[in-house]
Amino acid sequence: YGMSAEISTKGDVYSFGVLLLQMITGRSPTDKNFSDGASLHEFVRRAFPDNICDVVDQTMLEDDSNAQEVIKNCVIPLVRIGLSCSMTSPKERPDMGQVSTEILRIKHVASPMYVR
């Protein structure tokens, strides 16, 4: 995207989606495993949602006694956002207003899990 001559908000949405997937998986989009046309987006998409634990960075969940609840209420919805934002076609990507609203909803649902 950065090398493209065309700069747009949809490109920013794409970058946000890739960053989100990178944070959740702990993998770089330039990881050596993503060669021959493979991508971080495809890696996550193949695991979503039933095998999402196979691609989530386990250090995110290792100290959490509510890991299954976190996966259901936080990780899966965030991965869904990351995947939708990093769609190949800009027309298929949401706008950041929609993304922000969804992230706030996830925060609202997840917050009671961390009140001790």
PDB file of N, CA and C in Angstrom:
ATOM      1  N   TYR A   1       0.824  -1.192   0.000  1.00  0.00           N
ATOM      2  CA  TYR A   1       0.000   0.000   0.000  1.00  0.00           C
ATOM      3  C   TYR A   1       0.866   1.252   0.000  1.00  0.00           C
ATOM      4  N   GLY A   2       1.929   1.258   0.814  1.00  0.00           N
ATOM      5  CA  GLY A   2       2.797   2.418   0.923  1.00  0.00           C
ATOM      6  C   GLY A   2       3.518   2.745  -0.369  1.00  0.00           C
ATOM      7  N   MET A   3       3.719   1.769  -1.221  1.00  0.00           N
ATOM      8  CA  MET A   3       4.433   1.985  -2.467  1.00  0.00           C
ATOM      9  C   MET A   3       3.492   2.435  -3.585  1.00  0.00           C
ATOM     10  N   SER A   4       2.215   2.333  -3.347  1.00  0.00           N
ATOM     11  CA  SER A   4       1.223   2.697  -4.350  1.00  0.00           C
ATOM     12  C   SER A   4       1.170   4.214  -4.509  1.00  0.00           C
ATOM     13  N   ALA A   5       0.843   4.651  -5.693  1.00  0.00           N
ATOM     14  CA  ALA A   5       0.712   6.084  -5.950  1.00  0.00           C
ATOM     15  C   ALA A   5      -0.616   6.616  -5.416  1.00  0.00           C
ATOM     16  N   GLU A   6      -1.554   5.717  -5.182  1.00  0.00           N
ATOM     17  CA  GLU A   6      -2.887   6.127  -4.759  1.00  0.00           C
ATOM     18  C   GLU A   6      -3.026   6.045  -3.244  1.00  0.00           C
ATOM     19  N   ILE A   7      -3.212   7.181  -2.599  1.00  0.00           N
ATOM     20  CA  ILE A   7      -3.380   7.231  -1.151  1.00  0.00           C
ATOM     21  C   ILE A   7      -4.860   7.475  -0.880  1.00  0.00           C
ATOM     22  N   SER A   8      -5.430   6.671   0.040  1.00  0.00           N
ATOM     23  CA  SER A   8      -6.846   6.828   0.343  1.00  0.00           C
ATOM     24  C   SER A   8      -7.124   6.365   1.764  1.00  0.00           C
ATOM     25  N   THR A   9      -8.285   6.742   2.271  1.00  0.00           N
ATOM     26  CA  THR A   9      -8.675   6.285   3.598  1.00  0.00           C
ATOM     27  C   THR A   9      -8.897   4.769   3.603  1.00  0.00           C
ATOM     28  N   LYS A  10      -9.308   4.204   2.489  1.00  0.00           N
ATOM     29  CA  LYS A  10      -9.481   2.750   2.406  1.00  0.00           C
ATOM     30  C   LYS A  10      -8.131   2.044   2.529  1.00  0.00           C
ATOM     31  N   GLY A  11      -7.069   2.699   2.080  1.00  0.00           N
ATOM     32  CA  GLY A  11      -5.721   2.166   2.270  1.00  0.00           C
ATOM     33  C   GLY A  11      -5.323   2.204   3.740  1.00  0.00           C
ATOM     34  N   ASP A  12      -5.741   3.259   4.428  1.00  0.00           N
ATOM     35  CA  ASP A  12      -5.485   3.353   5.864  1.00  0.00           C
ATOM     36  C   ASP A  12      -6.249   2.264   6.618  1.00  0.00           C
ATOM     37  N   VAL A  13      -7.458   1.992   6.194  1.00  0.00           N
ATOM     38  CA  VAL A  13      -8.262   0.929   6.805  1.00  0.00           C
ATOM     39  C   VAL A  13      -7.552  -0.406   6.619  1.00  0.00           C
ATOM     40  N   TYR A  14      -7.024  -0.636   5.418  1.00  0.00           N
ATOM     41  CA  TYR A  14      -6.278  -1.866   5.139  1.00  0.00           C
ATOM     42  C   TYR A  14      -5.092  -1.995   6.092  1.00  0.00           C
ATOM     43  N   SER A  15      -4.327  -0.922   6.229  1.00  0.00           N
ATOM     44  CA  SER A  15      -3.155  -0.933   7.108  1.00  0.00           C
ATOM     45  C   SER A  15      -3.556  -1.218   8.551  1.00  0.00           C
ATOM     46  N   PHE A  16      -4.666  -0.634   8.989  1.00  0.00           N
ATOM     47  CA  PHE A  16      -5.158  -0.885  10.342  1.00  0.00           C
ATOM     48  C   PHE A  16      -5.507  -2.366  10.511  1.00  0.00           C
ATOM     49  N   GLY A  17      -6.172  -2.950   9.521  1.00  0.00           N
ATOM     50  CA  GLY A  17      -6.541  -4.359   9.591  1.00  0.00           C
ATOM     51  C   GLY A  17      -5.327  -5.266   9.681  1.00  0.00           C
ATOM     52  N   VAL A  18      -4.310  -4.978   8.890  1.00  0.00           N
ATOM     53  CA  VAL A  18      -3.083  -5.779   8.921  1.00  0.00           C
ATOM     54  C   VAL A  18      -2.405  -5.624  10.286  1.00  0.00           C
ATOM     55  N   LEU A  19      -2.352  -4.409  10.803  1.00  0.00           N
ATOM     56  CA  LEU A  19      -1.754  -4.179  12.116  1.00  0.00           C
ATOM     57  C   LEU A  19      -2.511  -4.951  13.200  1.00  0.00           C
ATOM     58  N   LEU A  20      -3.813  -4.935  13.144  1.00  0.00           N
ATOM     59  CA  LEU A  20      -4.628  -5.665  14.116  1.00  0.00           C
ATOM     60  C   LEU A  20      -4.350  -7.164  14.044  1.00  0.00           C
ATOM     61  N   LEU A  21      -4.304  -7.716  12.845  1.00  0.00           N
ATOM     62  CA  LEU A  21      -3.999  -9.141  12.683  1.00  0.00           C
ATOM     63  C   LEU A  21      -2.585  -9.447  13.172  1.00  0.00           C
ATOM     64  N   GLN A  22      -1.670  -8.537  12.931  1.00  0.00           N
ATOM     65  CA  GLN A  22      -0.291  -8.715  13.370  1.00  0.00           C
ATOM     66  C   GLN A  22      -0.223  -8.752  14.904  1.00  0.00           C
ATOM     67  N   MET A  23      -0.943  -7.866  15.571  1.00  0.00           N
ATOM     68  CA  MET A  23      -0.928  -7.844  17.034  1.00  0.00           C
ATOM     69  C   MET A  23      -1.560  -9.107  17.618  1.00  0.00           C
ATOM     70  N   ILE A  24      -2.615  -9.595  17.012  1.00  0.00           N
ATOM     71  CA  ILE A  24      -3.312 -10.767  17.528  1.00  0.00           C
ATOM     72  C   ILE A  24      -2.514 -12.050  17.309  1.00  0.00           C
ATOM     73  N   THR A  25      -1.850 -12.153  16.173  1.00  0.00           N
ATOM     74  CA  THR A  25      -1.118 -13.382  15.859  1.00  0.00           C
ATOM     75  C   THR A  25       0.332 -13.357  16.309  1.00  0.00           C
ATOM     76  N   GLY A  26       0.887 -12.164  16.466  1.00  0.00           N
ATOM     77  CA  GLY A  26       2.298 -12.048  16.777  1.00  0.00           C
ATOM     78  C   GLY A  26       3.184 -12.313  15.575  1.00  0.00           C
ATOM     79  N   ARG A  27       2.594 -12.303  14.392  1.00  0.00           N
ATOM     80  CA  ARG A  27       3.342 -12.556  13.151  1.00  0.00           C
ATOM     81  C   ARG A  27       3.381 -11.298  12.292  1.00  0.00           C
ATOM     82  N   SER A  28       4.482 -11.167  11.608  1.00  0.00           N
ATOM     83  CA  SER A  28       4.651 -10.043  10.698  1.00  0.00           C
ATOM     84  C   SER A  28       4.043 -10.384   9.339  1.00  0.00           C
ATOM     85  N   PRO A  29       3.494  -9.402   8.641  1.00  0.00           N
ATOM     86  CA  PRO A  29       2.985  -9.675   7.301  1.00  0.00           C
ATOM     87  C   PRO A  29       4.093 -10.065   6.319  1.00  0.00           C
ATOM     88  N   THR A  30       5.342  -9.814   6.705  1.00  0.00           N
ATOM     89  CA  THR A  30       6.475 -10.190   5.846  1.00  0.00           C
ATOM     90  C   THR A  30       7.159 -11.460   6.354  1.00  0.00           C
ATOM     91  N   ASP A  31       6.496 -12.190   7.218  1.00  0.00           N
ATOM     92  CA  ASP A  31       7.016 -13.457   7.752  1.00  0.00           C
ATOM     93  C   ASP A  31       7.413 -14.379   6.605  1.00  0.00           C
ATOM     94  N   LYS A  32       8.508 -15.083   6.779  1.00  0.00           N
ATOM     95  CA  LYS A  32       9.009 -15.964   5.708  1.00  0.00           C
ATOM     96  C   LYS A  32       8.011 -17.070   5.353  1.00  0.00           C
ATOM     97  N   ASN A  33       7.082 -17.380   6.260  1.00  0.00           N
ATOM     98  CA  ASN A  33       6.057 -18.388   5.966  1.00  0.00           C
ATOM     99  C   ASN A  33       5.006 -17.887   4.973  1.00  0.00           C
ATOM    100  N   PHE A  34       4.974 -16.581   4.759  1.00  0.00           N
ATOM    101  CA  PHE A  34       4.002 -16.007   3.839  1.00  0.00           C
ATOM    102  C   PHE A  34       4.661 -15.714   2.498  1.00  0.00           C
ATOM    103  N   SER A  35       5.077 -16.762   1.830  1.00  0.00           N
ATOM    104  CA  SER A  35       5.638 -16.606   0.497  1.00  0.00           C
ATOM    105  C   SER A  35       4.737 -17.336  -0.491  1.00  0.00           C
ATOM    106  N   ASP A  36       5.051 -17.265  -1.732  1.00  0.00           N
ATOM    107  CA  ASP A  36       4.258 -17.930  -2.779  1.00  0.00           C
ATOM    108  C   ASP A  36       2.783 -17.530  -2.742  1.00  0.00           C
ATOM    109  N   GLY A  37       2.518 -16.252  -2.524  1.00  0.00           N
ATOM    110  CA  GLY A  37       1.148 -15.753  -2.574  1.00  0.00           C
ATOM    111  C   GLY A  37       0.390 -15.845  -1.270  1.00  0.00           C
ATOM    112  N   ALA A  38       0.948 -16.503  -0.257  1.00  0.00           N
ATOM    113  CA  ALA A  38       0.292 -16.566   1.043  1.00  0.00           C
ATOM    114  C   ALA A  38       0.404 -15.191   1.710  1.00  0.00           C
ATOM    115  N   SER A  39      -0.493 -14.919   2.636  1.00  0.00           N
ATOM    116  CA  SER A  39      -0.465 -13.635   3.328  1.00  0.00           C
ATOM    117  C   SER A  39      -0.953 -13.827   4.763  1.00  0.00           C
ATOM    118  N   LEU A  40      -0.706 -12.837   5.577  1.00  0.00           N
ATOM    119  CA  LEU A  40      -1.201 -12.855   6.949  1.00  0.00           C
ATOM    120  C   LEU A  40      -2.724 -12.952   6.946  1.00  0.00           C
ATOM    121  N   HIS A  41      -3.359 -12.197   6.060  1.00  0.00           N
ATOM    122  CA  HIS A  41      -4.822 -12.231   5.947  1.00  0.00           C
ATOM    123  C   HIS A  41      -5.307 -13.655   5.655  1.00  0.00           C
ATOM    124  N   GLU A  42      -4.711 -14.316   4.697  1.00  0.00           N
ATOM    125  CA  GLU A  42      -5.114 -15.682   4.332  1.00  0.00           C
ATOM    126  C   GLU A  42      -4.847 -16.667   5.460  1.00  0.00           C
ATOM    127  N   PHE A  43      -3.706 -16.522   6.124  1.00  0.00           N
ATOM    128  CA  PHE A  43      -3.335 -17.373   7.251  1.00  0.00           C
ATOM    129  C   PHE A  43      -4.418 -17.323   8.331  1.00  0.00           C
ATOM    130  N   VAL A  44      -4.864 -16.121   8.663  1.00  0.00           N
ATOM    131  CA  VAL A  44      -5.883 -15.951   9.699  1.00  0.00           C
ATOM    132  C   VAL A  44      -7.254 -16.376   9.180  1.00  0.00           C
ATOM    133  N   ARG A  45      -7.574 -16.009   7.951  1.00  0.00           N
ATOM    134  CA  ARG A  45      -8.878 -16.339   7.389  1.00  0.00           C
ATOM    135  C   ARG A  45      -9.127 -17.848   7.384  1.00  0.00           C
ATOM    136  N   ARG A  46      -8.097 -18.618   7.071  1.00  0.00           N
ATOM    137  CA  ARG A  46      -8.249 -20.078   7.033  1.00  0.00           C
ATOM    138  C   ARG A  46      -8.581 -20.652   8.406  1.00  0.00           C
ATOM    139  N   ALA A  47      -8.118 -20.014   9.459  1.00  0.00           N
ATOM    140  CA  ALA A  47      -8.346 -20.504  10.821  1.00  0.00           C
ATOM    141  C   ALA A  47      -9.628 -19.952  11.443  1.00  0.00           C
ATOM    142  N   PHE A  48     -10.208 -18.944  10.828  1.00  0.00           N
ATOM    143  CA  PHE A  48     -11.348 -18.227  11.412  1.00  0.00           C
ATOM    144  C   PHE A  48     -12.664 -18.906  11.139  1.00  0.00           C
ATOM    145  N   PRO A  49     -13.551 -19.026  12.108  1.00  0.00           N
ATOM    146  CA  PRO A  49     -13.383 -18.784  13.541  1.00  0.00           C
ATOM    147  C   PRO A  49     -13.065 -20.057  14.333  1.00  0.00           C
ATOM    148  N   ASP A  50     -13.311 -21.219  13.740  1.00  0.00           N
ATOM    149  CA  ASP A  50     -13.250 -22.475  14.490  1.00  0.00           C
ATOM    150  C   ASP A  50     -11.865 -22.843  15.010  1.00  0.00           C
ATOM    151  N   ASN A  51     -10.816 -22.484  14.296  1.00  0.00           N
ATOM    152  CA  ASN A  51      -9.462 -22.846  14.709  1.00  0.00           C
ATOM    153  C   ASN A  51      -8.624 -21.614  15.043  1.00  0.00           C
ATOM    154  N   ILE A  52      -9.277 -20.572  15.516  1.00  0.00           N
ATOM    155  CA  ILE A  52      -8.585 -19.310  15.756  1.00  0.00           C
ATOM    156  C   ILE A  52      -7.478 -19.446  16.793  1.00  0.00           C
ATOM    157  N   CYS A  53      -7.630 -20.370  17.733  1.00  0.00           N
ATOM    158  CA  CYS A  53      -6.590 -20.570  18.755  1.00  0.00           C
ATOM    159  C   CYS A  53      -5.277 -21.025  18.137  1.00  0.00           C
ATOM    160  N   ASP A  54      -5.338 -21.607  16.955  1.00  0.00           N
ATOM    161  CA  ASP A  54      -4.122 -22.062  16.271  1.00  0.00           C
ATOM    162  C   ASP A  54      -3.269 -20.904  15.762  1.00  0.00           C
ATOM    163  N   VAL A  55      -3.867 -19.735  15.583  1.00  0.00           N
ATOM    164  CA  VAL A  55      -3.119 -18.603  15.028  1.00  0.00           C
ATOM    165  C   VAL A  55      -2.926 -17.453  16.018  1.00  0.00           C
ATOM    166  N   VAL A  56      -3.633 -17.480  17.142  1.00  0.00           N
ATOM    167  CA  VAL A  56      -3.508 -16.417  18.136  1.00  0.00           C
ATOM    168  C   VAL A  56      -2.177 -16.557  18.870  1.00  0.00           C
ATOM    169  N   ASP A  57      -1.521 -15.450  19.091  1.00  0.00           N
ATOM    170  CA  ASP A  57      -0.283 -15.429  19.872  1.00  0.00           C
ATOM    171  C   ASP A  57      -0.639 -15.879  21.287  1.00  0.00           C
ATOM    172  N   GLN A  58      -0.127 -17.015  21.681  1.00  0.00           N
ATOM    173  CA  GLN A  58      -0.493 -17.623  22.962  1.00  0.00           C
ATOM    174  C   GLN A  58      -0.073 -16.784  24.165  1.00  0.00           C
ATOM    175  N   THR A  59       0.913 -15.913  24.017  1.00  0.00           N
ATOM    176  CA  THR A  59       1.306 -15.068  25.141  1.00  0.00           C
ATOM    177  C   THR A  59       0.202 -14.090  25.516  1.00  0.00           C
ATOM    178  N   MET A  60      -0.713 -13.827  24.588  1.00  0.00           N
ATOM    179  CA  MET A  60      -1.851 -12.956  24.890  1.00  0.00           C
ATOM    180  C   MET A  60      -2.772 -13.576  25.926  1.00  0.00           C
ATOM    181  N   LEU A  61      -2.852 -14.882  25.949  1.00  0.00           N
ATOM    182  CA  LEU A  61      -3.841 -15.570  26.783  1.00  0.00           C
ATOM    183  C   LEU A  61      -3.236 -16.337  27.948  1.00  0.00           C
ATOM    184  N   GLU A  62      -1.925 -16.435  28.031  1.00  0.00           N
ATOM    185  CA  GLU A  62      -1.307 -17.343  28.993  1.00  0.00           C
ATOM    186  C   GLU A  62      -1.589 -17.013  30.454  1.00  0.00           C
ATOM    187  N   ASP A  63      -1.784 -15.757  30.795  1.00  0.00           N
ATOM    188  CA  ASP A  63      -2.055 -15.388  32.182  1.00  0.00           C
ATOM    189  C   ASP A  63      -3.528 -15.092  32.446  1.00  0.00           C
ATOM    190  N   ASP A  64      -4.375 -15.451  31.525  1.00  0.00           N
ATOM    191  CA  ASP A  64      -5.791 -15.117  31.647  1.00  0.00           C
ATOM    192  C   ASP A  64      -6.606 -16.353  31.999  1.00  0.00           C
ATOM    193  N   SER A  65      -7.211 -16.325  33.174  1.00  0.00           N
ATOM    194  CA  SER A  65      -8.024 -17.472  33.601  1.00  0.00           C
ATOM    195  C   SER A  65      -9.332 -17.547  32.824  1.00  0.00           C
ATOM    196  N   ASN A  66      -9.694 -16.468  32.154  1.00  0.00           N
ATOM    197  CA  ASN A  66     -10.927 -16.427  31.352  1.00  0.00           C
ATOM    198  C   ASN A  66     -10.615 -16.559  29.866  1.00  0.00           C
ATOM    199  N   ALA A  67      -9.612 -17.336  29.496  1.00  0.00           N
ATOM    200  CA  ALA A  67      -9.141 -17.383  28.109  1.00  0.00           C
ATOM    201  C   ALA A  67     -10.255 -17.685  27.118  1.00  0.00           C
ATOM    202  N   GLN A  68     -11.102 -18.656  27.403  1.00  0.00           N
ATOM    203  CA  GLN A  68     -12.174 -18.998  26.463  1.00  0.00           C
ATOM    204  C   GLN A  68     -13.160 -17.848  26.300  1.00  0.00           C
ATOM    205  N   GLU A  69     -13.453 -17.167  27.373  1.00  0.00           N
ATOM    206  CA  GLU A  69     -14.352 -16.010  27.338  1.00  0.00           C
ATOM    207  C   GLU A  69     -13.716 -14.869  26.541  1.00  0.00           C
ATOM    208  N   VAL A  70     -12.423 -14.657  26.738  1.00  0.00           N
ATOM    209  CA  VAL A  70     -11.693 -13.610  26.006  1.00  0.00           C
ATOM    210  C   VAL A  70     -11.686 -13.922  24.515  1.00  0.00           C
ATOM    211  N   ILE A  71     -11.461 -15.175  24.166  1.00  0.00           N
ATOM    212  CA  ILE A  71     -11.464 -15.567  22.751  1.00  0.00           C
ATOM    213  C   ILE A  71     -12.833 -15.291  22.143  1.00  0.00           C
ATOM    214  N   LYS A  72     -13.877 -15.704  22.847  1.00  0.00           N
ATOM    215  CA  LYS A  72     -15.243 -15.550  22.310  1.00  0.00           C
ATOM    216  C   LYS A  72     -15.666 -14.087  22.209  1.00  0.00           C
ATOM    217  N   ASN A  73     -15.410 -13.304  23.248  1.00  0.00           N
ATOM    218  CA  ASN A  73     -15.941 -11.942  23.307  1.00  0.00           C
ATOM    219  C   ASN A  73     -14.997 -10.852  22.832  1.00  0.00           C
ATOM    220  N   CYS A  74     -13.724 -11.192  22.684  1.00  0.00           N
ATOM    221  CA  CYS A  74     -12.761 -10.167  22.324  1.00  0.00           C
ATOM    222  C   CYS A  74     -11.938 -10.548  21.088  1.00  0.00           C
ATOM    223  N   VAL A  75     -11.269 -11.688  21.147  1.00  0.00           N
ATOM    224  CA  VAL A  75     -10.361 -12.063  20.063  1.00  0.00           C
ATOM    225  C   VAL A  75     -11.107 -12.299  18.756  1.00  0.00           C
ATOM    226  N   ILE A  76     -12.134 -13.128  18.780  1.00  0.00           N
ATOM    227  CA  ILE A  76     -12.862 -13.426  17.534  1.00  0.00           C
ATOM    228  C   ILE A  76     -13.456 -12.157  16.920  1.00  0.00           C
ATOM    229  N   PRO A  77     -14.128 -11.301  17.710  1.00  0.00           N
ATOM    230  CA  PRO A  77     -14.630 -10.060  17.100  1.00  0.00           C
ATOM    231  C   PRO A  77     -13.517  -9.155  16.556  1.00  0.00           C
ATOM    232  N   LEU A  78     -12.371  -9.085  17.249  1.00  0.00           N
ATOM    233  CA  LEU A  78     -11.268  -8.261  16.745  1.00  0.00           C
ATOM    234  C   LEU A  78     -10.667  -8.858  15.476  1.00  0.00           C
ATOM    235  N   VAL A  79     -10.579 -10.176  15.420  1.00  0.00           N
ATOM    236  CA  VAL A  79     -10.080 -10.828  14.199  1.00  0.00           C
ATOM    237  C   VAL A  79     -11.043 -10.560  13.047  1.00  0.00           C
ATOM    238  N   ARG A  80     -12.340 -10.612  13.327  1.00  0.00           N
ATOM    239  CA  ARG A  80     -13.335 -10.319  12.287  1.00  0.00           C
ATOM    240  C   ARG A  80     -13.105  -8.915  11.718  1.00  0.00           C
ATOM    241  N   ILE A  81     -12.823  -7.953  12.593  1.00  0.00           N
ATOM    242  CA  ILE A  81     -12.533  -6.587  12.148  1.00  0.00           C
ATOM    243  C   ILE A  81     -11.255  -6.559  11.320  1.00  0.00           C
ATOM    244  N   GLY A  82     -10.206  -7.216  11.812  1.00  0.00           N
ATOM    245  CA  GLY A  82      -8.936  -7.251  11.085  1.00  0.00           C
ATOM    246  C   GLY A  82      -9.085  -7.840   9.700  1.00  0.00           C
ATOM    247  N   LEU A  83      -9.861  -8.915   9.615  1.00  0.00           N
ATOM    248  CA  LEU A  83     -10.081  -9.546   8.302  1.00  0.00           C
ATOM    249  C   LEU A  83     -10.892  -8.646   7.377  1.00  0.00           C
ATOM    250  N   SER A  84     -11.930  -8.010   7.898  1.00  0.00           N
ATOM    251  CA  SER A  84     -12.751  -7.157   7.027  1.00  0.00           C
ATOM    252  C   SER A  84     -11.975  -5.930   6.572  1.00  0.00           C
ATOM    253  N   CYS A  85     -11.131  -5.393   7.434  1.00  0.00           N
ATOM    254  CA  CYS A  85     -10.342  -4.211   7.067  1.00  0.00           C
ATOM    255  C   CYS A  85      -9.250  -4.540   6.057  1.00  0.00           C
ATOM    256  N   SER A  86      -8.766  -5.781   6.073  1.00  0.00           N
ATOM    257  CA  SER A  86      -7.656  -6.141   5.186  1.00  0.00           C
ATOM    258  C   SER A  86      -8.105  -6.912   3.942  1.00  0.00           C
ATOM    259  N   MET A  87      -9.355  -6.735   3.567  1.00  0.00           N
ATOM    260  CA  MET A  87      -9.848  -7.340   2.328  1.00  0.00           C
ATOM    261  C   MET A  87      -9.074  -6.752   1.146  1.00  0.00           C
ATOM    262  N   THR A  88      -8.879  -7.559   0.125  1.00  0.00           N
ATOM    263  CA  THR A  88      -8.126  -7.111  -1.046  1.00  0.00           C
ATOM    264  C   THR A  88      -8.792  -5.929  -1.732  1.00  0.00           C
ATOM    265  N   SER A  89     -10.085  -6.005  -1.903  1.00  0.00           N
ATOM    266  CA  SER A  89     -10.809  -4.933  -2.588  1.00  0.00           C
ATOM    267  C   SER A  89     -11.175  -3.813  -1.613  1.00  0.00           C
ATOM    268  N   PRO A  90     -10.767  -2.583  -1.900  1.00  0.00           N
ATOM    269  CA  PRO A  90     -11.131  -1.462  -1.034  1.00  0.00           C
ATOM    270  C   PRO A  90     -12.642  -1.317  -0.833  1.00  0.00           C
ATOM    271  N   LYS A  91     -13.415  -1.689  -1.812  1.00  0.00           N
ATOM    272  CA  LYS A  91     -14.874  -1.574  -1.710  1.00  0.00           C
ATOM    273  C   LYS A  91     -15.456  -2.486  -0.644  1.00  0.00           C
ATOM    274  N   GLU A  92     -14.747  -3.565  -0.329  1.00  0.00           N
ATOM    275  CA  GLU A  92     -15.225  -4.524   0.670  1.00  0.00           C
ATOM    276  C   GLU A  92     -14.842  -4.137   2.095  1.00  0.00           C
ATOM    277  N   ARG A  93     -13.996  -3.129   2.250  1.00  0.00           N
ATOM    278  CA  ARG A  93     -13.535  -2.716   3.575  1.00  0.00           C
ATOM    279  C   ARG A  93     -14.524  -1.755   4.217  1.00  0.00           C
ATOM    280  N   PRO A  94     -14.693  -1.863   5.541  1.00  0.00           N
ATOM    281  CA  PRO A  94     -15.573  -0.915   6.237  1.00  0.00           C
ATOM    282  C   PRO A  94     -14.891   0.441   6.347  1.00  0.00           C
ATOM    283  N   ASP A  95     -15.652   1.452   6.752  1.00  0.00           N
ATOM    284  CA  ASP A  95     -14.998   2.728   7.032  1.00  0.00           C
ATOM    285  C   ASP A  95     -14.615   2.748   8.514  1.00  0.00           C
ATOM    286  N   MET A  96     -13.729   3.636   8.891  1.00  0.00           N
ATOM    287  CA  MET A  96     -13.207   3.642  10.256  1.00  0.00           C
ATOM    288  C   MET A  96     -14.276   3.995  11.286  1.00  0.00           C
ATOM    289  N   GLY A  97     -15.315   4.687  10.890  1.00  0.00           N
ATOM    290  CA  GLY A  97     -16.419   4.956  11.813  1.00  0.00           C
ATOM    291  C   GLY A  97     -17.078   3.657  12.254  1.00  0.00           C
ATOM    292  N   GLN A  98     -17.325   2.768  11.297  1.00  0.00           N
ATOM    293  CA  GLN A  98     -17.893   1.456  11.610  1.00  0.00           C
ATOM    294  C   GLN A  98     -16.940   0.661  12.491  1.00  0.00           C
ATOM    295  N   VAL A  99     -15.667   0.703  12.160  1.00  0.00           N
ATOM    296  CA  VAL A  99     -14.646  -0.036  12.915  1.00  0.00           C
ATOM    297  C   VAL A  99     -14.602   0.468  14.356  1.00  0.00           C
ATOM    298  N   SER A 100     -14.583   1.774  14.522  1.00  0.00           N
ATOM    299  CA  SER A 100     -14.536   2.376  15.852  1.00  0.00           C
ATOM    300  C   SER A 100     -15.748   1.978  16.685  1.00  0.00           C
ATOM    301  N   THR A 101     -16.916   2.017  16.086  1.00  0.00           N
ATOM    302  CA  THR A 101     -18.145   1.621  16.779  1.00  0.00           C
ATOM    303  C   THR A 101     -18.068   0.173  17.235  1.00  0.00           C
ATOM    304  N   GLU A 102     -17.570  -0.690  16.375  1.00  0.00           N
ATOM    305  CA  GLU A 102     -17.462  -2.112  16.715  1.00  0.00           C
ATOM    306  C   GLU A 102     -16.426  -2.346  17.813  1.00  0.00           C
ATOM    307  N   ILE A 103     -15.310  -1.644  17.765  1.00  0.00           N
ATOM    308  CA  ILE A 103     -14.286  -1.791  18.808  1.00  0.00           C
ATOM    309  C   ILE A 103     -14.833  -1.314  20.155  1.00  0.00           C
ATOM    310  N   LEU A 104     -15.586  -0.245  20.162  1.00  0.00           N
ATOM    311  CA  LEU A 104     -16.198   0.224  21.411  1.00  0.00           C
ATOM    312  C   LEU A 104     -17.203  -0.793  21.946  1.00  0.00           C
ATOM    313  N   ARG A 105     -17.925  -1.459  21.056  1.00  0.00           N
ATOM    314  CA  ARG A 105     -18.867  -2.503  21.477  1.00  0.00           C
ATOM    315  C   ARG A 105     -18.106  -3.669  22.110  1.00  0.00           C
ATOM    316  N   ILE A 106     -17.005  -4.063  21.492  1.00  0.00           N
ATOM    317  CA  ILE A 106     -16.173  -5.150  22.021  1.00  0.00           C
ATOM    318  C   ILE A 106     -15.631  -4.760  23.394  1.00  0.00           C
ATOM    319  N   LYS A 107     -15.177  -3.531  23.528  1.00  0.00           N
ATOM    320  CA  LYS A 107     -14.661  -3.044  24.814  1.00  0.00           C
ATOM    321  C   LYS A 107     -15.746  -3.119  25.881  1.00  0.00           C
ATOM    322  N   HIS A 108     -16.941  -2.713  25.548  1.00  0.00           N
ATOM    323  CA  HIS A 108     -18.060  -2.732  26.487  1.00  0.00           C
ATOM    324  C   HIS A 108     -18.373  -4.163  26.936  1.00  0.00           C
ATOM    325  N   VAL A 109     -18.372  -5.103  26.004  1.00  0.00           N
ATOM    326  CA  VAL A 109     -18.654  -6.510  26.318  1.00  0.00           C
ATOM    327  C   VAL A 109     -17.512  -7.111  27.146  1.00  0.00           C
ATOM    328  N   ALA A 110     -16.275  -6.775  26.801  1.00  0.00           N
ATOM    329  CA  ALA A 110     -15.112  -7.388  27.446  1.00  0.00           C
ATOM    330  C   ALA A 110     -14.781  -6.767  28.803  1.00  0.00           C
ATOM    331  N   SER A 111     -15.157  -5.543  29.038  1.00  0.00           N
ATOM    332  CA  SER A 111     -14.773  -4.853  30.265  1.00  0.00           C
ATOM    333  C   SER A 111     -15.141  -5.593  31.543  1.00  0.00           C
ATOM    334  N   PRO A 112     -16.337  -6.158  31.666  1.00  0.00           N
ATOM    335  CA  PRO A 112     -16.677  -6.856  32.918  1.00  0.00           C
ATOM    336  C   PRO A 112     -15.762  -8.063  33.206  1.00  0.00           C
ATOM    337  N   MET A 113     -15.138  -8.623  32.196  1.00  0.00           N
ATOM    338  CA  MET A 113     -14.239  -9.757  32.400  1.00  0.00           C
ATOM    339  C   MET A 113     -12.990  -9.352  33.169  1.00  0.00           C
ATOM    340  N   TYR A 114     -12.653  -8.064  33.140  1.00  0.00           N
ATOM    341  CA  TYR A 114     -11.422  -7.597  33.758  1.00  0.00           C
ATOM    342  C   TYR A 114     -11.647  -6.799  35.023  1.00  0.00           C
ATOM    343  N   VAL A 115     -12.886  -6.654  35.437  1.00  0.00           N
ATOM    344  CA  VAL A 115     -13.183  -5.981  36.702  1.00  0.00           C
ATOM    345  C   VAL A 115     -13.028  -7.027  37.790  1.00  0.00           C
ATOM    346  N   ARG A 116     -12.143  -6.772  38.698  1.00  0.00           N
ATOM    347  CA  ARG A 116     -11.883  -7.763  39.762  1.00  0.00           C
ATOM    348  C   ARG A 116     -12.189  -7.179  41.112  1.00  0.00           C
TER     349      ARG A 116
END
